[in-house]
């Protein structure tokens, strides 16, 4: 059953059509890749799916509900979370508190209870601490929960960003170049982590990635963008062997 359906999605910036008539379907529990050369429009697609940009045309649904044009907060609460190509952690906060930021989406105590530290505030904060620590254990970060995020090695910052996204309890997780800047060992570990997240959290994952070894190793299906348009779609092995896809990457 499709979780995300994208129908004729497009956006223009002035006279430039950055994405044109994108249609794709991602099933529940699927690991799906969105790839293409630099400037193909991949991150622009993520920005539309998360409400950063409102599409010029077309739309998309999550679990059958139309979300195009809604605010980032609304879309996140409906079940779409993301990471960024350039890591965007709260560098001056602890590892634990970075994850708790994501959990605050689901807090039930009100401002009054928070200001005056009433019993429900302490009860819910304790529950969030416990949940945050559980997420950190998934990524092997529990021993660094009091470490400032900026002091983590690069690869572990990437993991923390994924943990924070999962804290919002999404249905669909968007990963924007999660392996960027990683060495081969870190990338191999990341592949295992992404598979684990999909299986353990029953998560549907859409990722943008340039590392074709990672893409070929974990993605079940792909959509390839080139100059904002769909160049190829289908099973990963078939798409990666498509002469037009190879030509787009090699520039021949």
Protein backbone atom coordinates (compact mmCIF):
# COMPACT_ATOMS: atom_id res chain seq x y z
CA UNK A 1 0.00 0.00 0.00
CA UNK A 2 1.35 3.43 -0.93
CA UNK A 3 2.29 5.71 1.95
CA UNK A 4 3.49 8.64 -0.17
CA UNK A 5 1.98 9.48 -3.53
CA UNK A 6 3.44 12.37 -5.53
CA UNK A 7 1.38 13.52 -8.51
CA UNK A 8 2.65 16.00 -11.10
CA UNK A 9 4.65 17.91 -8.49
CA UNK A 10 6.51 20.96 -9.79
CA UNK A 11 7.85 24.35 -8.81
CA UNK A 12 9.11 27.43 -10.62
CA UNK A 13 11.47 30.11 -9.35
CA UNK A 14 10.89 33.07 -11.61
CA UNK A 15 11.34 31.70 -15.11
CA UNK A 16 13.23 28.60 -13.93
CA UNK A 17 11.31 25.37 -13.54
CA UNK A 18 13.36 23.59 -10.88
CA UNK A 19 11.15 20.48 -10.70
CA UNK A 20 8.66 19.55 -13.40
CA UNK A 21 5.82 17.01 -13.25
CA UNK A 22 7.31 14.63 -10.67
CA UNK A 23 5.18 11.56 -10.07
CA UNK A 24 6.24 8.70 -7.80
CA UNK A 25 4.76 6.26 -5.32
CA UNK A 26 6.47 4.92 -2.20
CA UNK A 27 4.98 1.95 -0.38
CA UNK A 28 4.87 1.52 3.37
CA UNK A 29 8.09 0.04 4.72
CA UNK A 30 10.02 0.75 1.53
CA UNK A 31 13.58 2.04 1.25
CA UNK A 32 13.39 4.36 -1.77
CA UNK A 33 16.12 6.45 -3.39
CA UNK A 34 15.93 9.81 -5.15
CA UNK A 35 19.11 10.33 -7.11
CA UNK A 36 20.53 12.48 -9.88
CA UNK A 37 23.43 14.78 -10.75
CA UNK A 38 24.10 17.94 -8.74
CA UNK A 39 21.44 20.56 -9.41
CA UNK A 40 18.88 18.02 -10.59
CA UNK A 41 16.24 19.24 -8.12
CA UNK A 42 16.43 16.54 -5.44
CA UNK A 43 16.65 18.77 -2.37
CA UNK A 44 13.97 21.01 -3.87
CA UNK A 45 11.68 17.96 -3.85
CA UNK A 46 12.45 17.43 -0.15
CA UNK A 47 11.72 21.10 0.51
CA UNK A 48 8.29 20.74 -1.10
CA UNK A 49 7.53 17.52 0.77
CA UNK A 50 8.36 19.20 4.08
CA UNK A 51 6.59 22.52 3.48
CA UNK A 52 9.66 24.72 3.01
CA UNK A 53 8.44 25.46 -0.53
CA UNK A 54 4.84 25.46 -1.76
CA UNK A 55 4.56 23.65 -5.11
CA UNK A 56 3.62 25.67 -8.19
CA UNK A 57 1.66 22.71 -9.52
CA UNK A 58 0.75 19.17 -8.56
CA UNK A 59 0.62 17.78 -5.05
CA UNK A 60 1.30 14.85 -2.77
CA UNK A 61 -0.50 12.76 -0.17
CA UNK A 62 0.69 10.94 2.94
CA UNK A 63 -1.55 8.04 3.93
CA UNK A 64 -4.16 9.47 1.59
CA UNK A 65 -4.14 12.97 3.10
CA UNK A 66 -3.20 15.91 0.86
CA UNK A 67 -0.35 17.91 2.40
CA UNK A 68 1.04 20.10 -0.41
CA UNK A 69 1.31 23.74 0.60
CA UNK A 70 0.92 23.17 4.34
CA UNK A 71 3.41 24.57 6.84
CA UNK A 72 6.52 22.61 7.91
CA UNK A 73 5.08 22.18 11.41
CA UNK A 74 1.80 20.79 10.10
CA UNK A 75 3.55 18.39 7.74
CA UNK A 76 5.89 17.20 10.49
CA UNK A 77 2.96 16.55 12.80
CA UNK A 78 1.26 14.58 10.05
CA UNK A 79 4.27 12.29 9.86
CA UNK A 80 7.11 13.52 7.64
CA UNK A 81 10.54 14.18 9.19
CA UNK A 82 13.85 14.94 7.56
CA UNK A 83 17.57 15.37 7.96
CA UNK A 84 19.64 17.88 6.01
CA UNK A 85 22.53 17.77 3.57
CA UNK A 86 24.39 20.14 5.90
CA UNK A 87 23.96 18.91 9.47
CA UNK A 88 21.63 21.17 11.45
CA UNK A 89 21.99 20.22 15.09
CA UNK A 90 21.71 22.54 18.08
CA UNK A 91 25.46 22.56 18.56
CA UNK A 92 25.37 24.28 21.97
CA UNK A 93 22.96 21.71 23.42
CA UNK A 94 23.69 18.23 24.71
CA UNK A 95 23.14 15.11 22.66
CA UNK A 96 20.19 14.20 24.90
CA UNK A 97 18.56 17.62 24.60
CA UNK A 98 18.86 17.56 20.80
CA UNK A 99 16.70 14.43 20.73
CA UNK A 100 14.28 15.89 23.27
CA UNK A 101 13.66 18.81 20.90
CA UNK A 102 12.03 16.32 18.54
CA UNK A 103 10.01 14.78 21.35
CA UNK A 104 8.49 18.12 22.33
CA UNK A 105 6.17 17.77 19.36
CA UNK A 106 4.18 15.30 21.45
CA UNK A 107 4.33 16.96 24.89
CA UNK A 108 1.01 17.40 26.66
CA UNK A 109 1.82 19.81 29.50
CA UNK A 110 0.92 23.44 28.86
CA UNK A 111 2.92 26.65 29.29
CA UNK A 112 1.48 27.29 32.75
CA UNK A 113 2.50 23.80 33.95
CA UNK A 114 5.95 24.30 32.47
CA UNK A 115 6.57 27.72 34.02
CA UNK A 116 5.46 26.65 37.51
CA UNK A 117 6.96 23.18 37.27
CA UNK A 118 3.74 21.38 38.15
CA UNK A 119 3.65 17.57 38.54
CA UNK A 120 2.67 16.82 34.92
CA UNK A 121 5.69 18.81 33.69
CA UNK A 122 8.12 16.66 35.70
CA UNK A 123 6.31 13.45 34.77
CA UNK A 124 6.40 14.17 31.05
CA UNK A 125 9.99 15.44 31.10
CA UNK A 126 11.05 12.18 32.80
CA UNK A 127 9.20 10.20 30.11
CA UNK A 128 10.93 12.22 27.39
CA UNK A 129 14.32 11.61 28.99
CA UNK A 130 13.61 7.87 28.94
CA UNK A 131 12.41 7.89 25.34
CA UNK A 132 15.37 10.02 24.21
CA UNK A 133 17.81 7.64 25.85
CA UNK A 134 16.13 4.69 24.12
CA UNK A 135 16.65 6.39 20.76
CA UNK A 136 20.27 7.18 21.57
CA UNK A 137 20.89 3.50 22.35
CA UNK A 138 19.70 2.59 18.85
CA UNK A 139 22.57 4.68 17.47
CA UNK A 140 25.15 3.83 20.14
CA UNK A 141 25.12 7.38 21.49
CA UNK A 142 23.83 6.74 25.00
CA UNK A 143 27.31 7.12 26.50
CA UNK A 144 27.57 10.62 25.06
CA UNK A 145 24.17 11.94 26.12
CA UNK A 146 25.70 14.80 28.14
CA UNK A 147 28.22 15.68 25.41
CA UNK A 148 27.67 18.90 23.49
CA UNK A 149 26.51 18.05 19.98
CA UNK A 150 29.30 20.12 18.41
CA UNK A 151 31.89 17.90 20.10
CA UNK A 152 30.71 14.69 18.43
CA UNK A 153 32.69 13.32 15.46
CA UNK A 154 31.07 14.03 12.12
CA UNK A 155 29.66 10.55 11.58
CA UNK A 156 28.06 10.53 15.02
CA UNK A 157 26.54 13.94 14.42
CA UNK A 158 24.84 12.41 11.38
CA UNK A 159 23.43 9.64 13.58
CA UNK A 160 22.23 12.16 16.14
CA UNK A 161 20.38 14.08 13.45
CA UNK A 162 18.58 10.89 12.38
CA UNK A 163 17.74 10.12 16.02
CA UNK A 164 16.26 13.60 16.45
CA UNK A 165 14.14 13.16 13.31
CA UNK A 166 12.85 9.81 14.62
CA UNK A 167 11.90 11.49 17.89
CA UNK A 168 9.05 13.24 16.08
CA UNK A 169 7.53 9.78 15.47
CA UNK A 170 7.31 10.07 11.67
CA UNK A 171 5.67 7.74 9.18
CA UNK A 172 8.10 8.82 6.46
CA UNK A 173 11.76 9.69 7.07
CA UNK A 174 13.58 11.81 4.47
CA UNK A 175 17.38 11.52 4.53
CA UNK A 176 19.25 14.16 2.52
CA UNK A 177 22.69 12.77 1.60
CA UNK A 178 23.23 10.97 4.94
CA UNK A 179 26.63 9.60 3.83
CA UNK A 180 28.03 13.00 2.78
CA UNK A 181 31.49 13.49 4.26
CA UNK A 182 31.72 9.96 5.64
CA UNK A 183 34.61 7.57 5.10
CA UNK A 184 33.94 4.04 3.75
CA UNK A 185 33.75 2.49 7.22
CA UNK A 186 31.29 5.11 8.43
CA UNK A 187 29.22 4.65 5.27
CA UNK A 188 29.07 0.88 5.77
CA UNK A 189 27.94 1.41 9.37
CA UNK A 190 25.35 3.93 8.20
CA UNK A 191 23.90 1.39 5.76
CA UNK A 192 23.36 -1.02 8.63
CA UNK A 193 21.80 1.74 10.72
CA UNK A 194 19.35 2.75 7.99
CA UNK A 195 18.25 -0.86 7.50
CA UNK A 196 17.87 -1.25 11.26
CA UNK A 197 15.75 1.91 11.49
CA UNK A 198 13.49 0.69 8.69
CA UNK A 199 13.02 -2.72 10.33
CA UNK A 200 12.96 -1.76 14.02
CA UNK A 201 10.70 1.27 13.64
CA UNK A 202 8.62 -0.09 10.73
CA UNK A 203 9.75 3.05 8.92
CA UNK A 204 9.37 4.14 5.32
CA UNK A 205 12.53 5.92 4.11
CA UNK A 206 13.20 8.17 1.13
CA UNK A 207 16.81 9.17 0.70
CA UNK A 208 18.88 11.40 -1.53
CA UNK A 209 22.38 10.09 -1.99
CA UNK A 210 25.36 10.34 -4.34
CA UNK A 211 27.16 7.28 -2.98
CA UNK A 212 26.05 4.66 -5.48
CA UNK A 213 27.40 1.82 -3.35
CA UNK A 214 25.07 2.86 -0.56
CA UNK A 215 22.17 3.40 -2.97
CA UNK A 216 22.69 0.03 -4.63
CA UNK A 217 23.10 -1.67 -1.26
CA UNK A 218 19.91 -0.56 0.46
CA UNK A 219 17.40 1.04 -1.94
CA UNK A 220 14.70 -1.17 -3.42
CA UNK A 221 13.50 1.32 -6.02
CA UNK A 222 14.80 4.59 -7.43
CA UNK A 223 13.66 7.74 -9.15
CA UNK A 224 16.35 9.57 -11.10
CA UNK A 225 16.01 13.32 -11.67
CA UNK A 226 17.90 15.27 -14.31
CA UNK A 227 17.30 19.00 -14.86
CA UNK A 228 14.20 18.73 -12.66
CA UNK A 229 12.55 15.97 -14.71
CA UNK A 230 12.24 12.24 -14.18
CA UNK A 231 14.89 10.46 -16.22
CA UNK A 232 14.22 6.93 -14.97
CA UNK A 233 12.18 5.05 -12.38
CA UNK A 234 12.01 1.47 -11.22
CA UNK A 235 13.94 -1.31 -9.54
CA UNK A 236 17.37 -0.22 -8.36
CA UNK A 237 19.44 -2.68 -10.40
CA UNK A 238 17.60 -1.81 -13.60
CA UNK A 239 17.80 1.95 -13.08
CA UNK A 240 21.51 1.94 -12.25
CA UNK A 241 22.21 0.03 -15.46
CA UNK A 242 20.09 2.32 -17.63
CA UNK A 243 22.34 3.87 -20.32
CA UNK A 244 20.59 7.25 -19.97
CA UNK A 245 21.23 7.29 -16.22
CA UNK A 246 24.88 6.39 -16.75
CA UNK A 247 25.17 9.11 -19.37
CA UNK A 248 23.63 11.72 -17.05
CA UNK A 249 26.12 10.91 -14.30
CA UNK A 250 29.17 10.67 -16.54
CA UNK A 251 28.18 13.66 -18.68
CA UNK A 252 28.90 11.87 -21.92
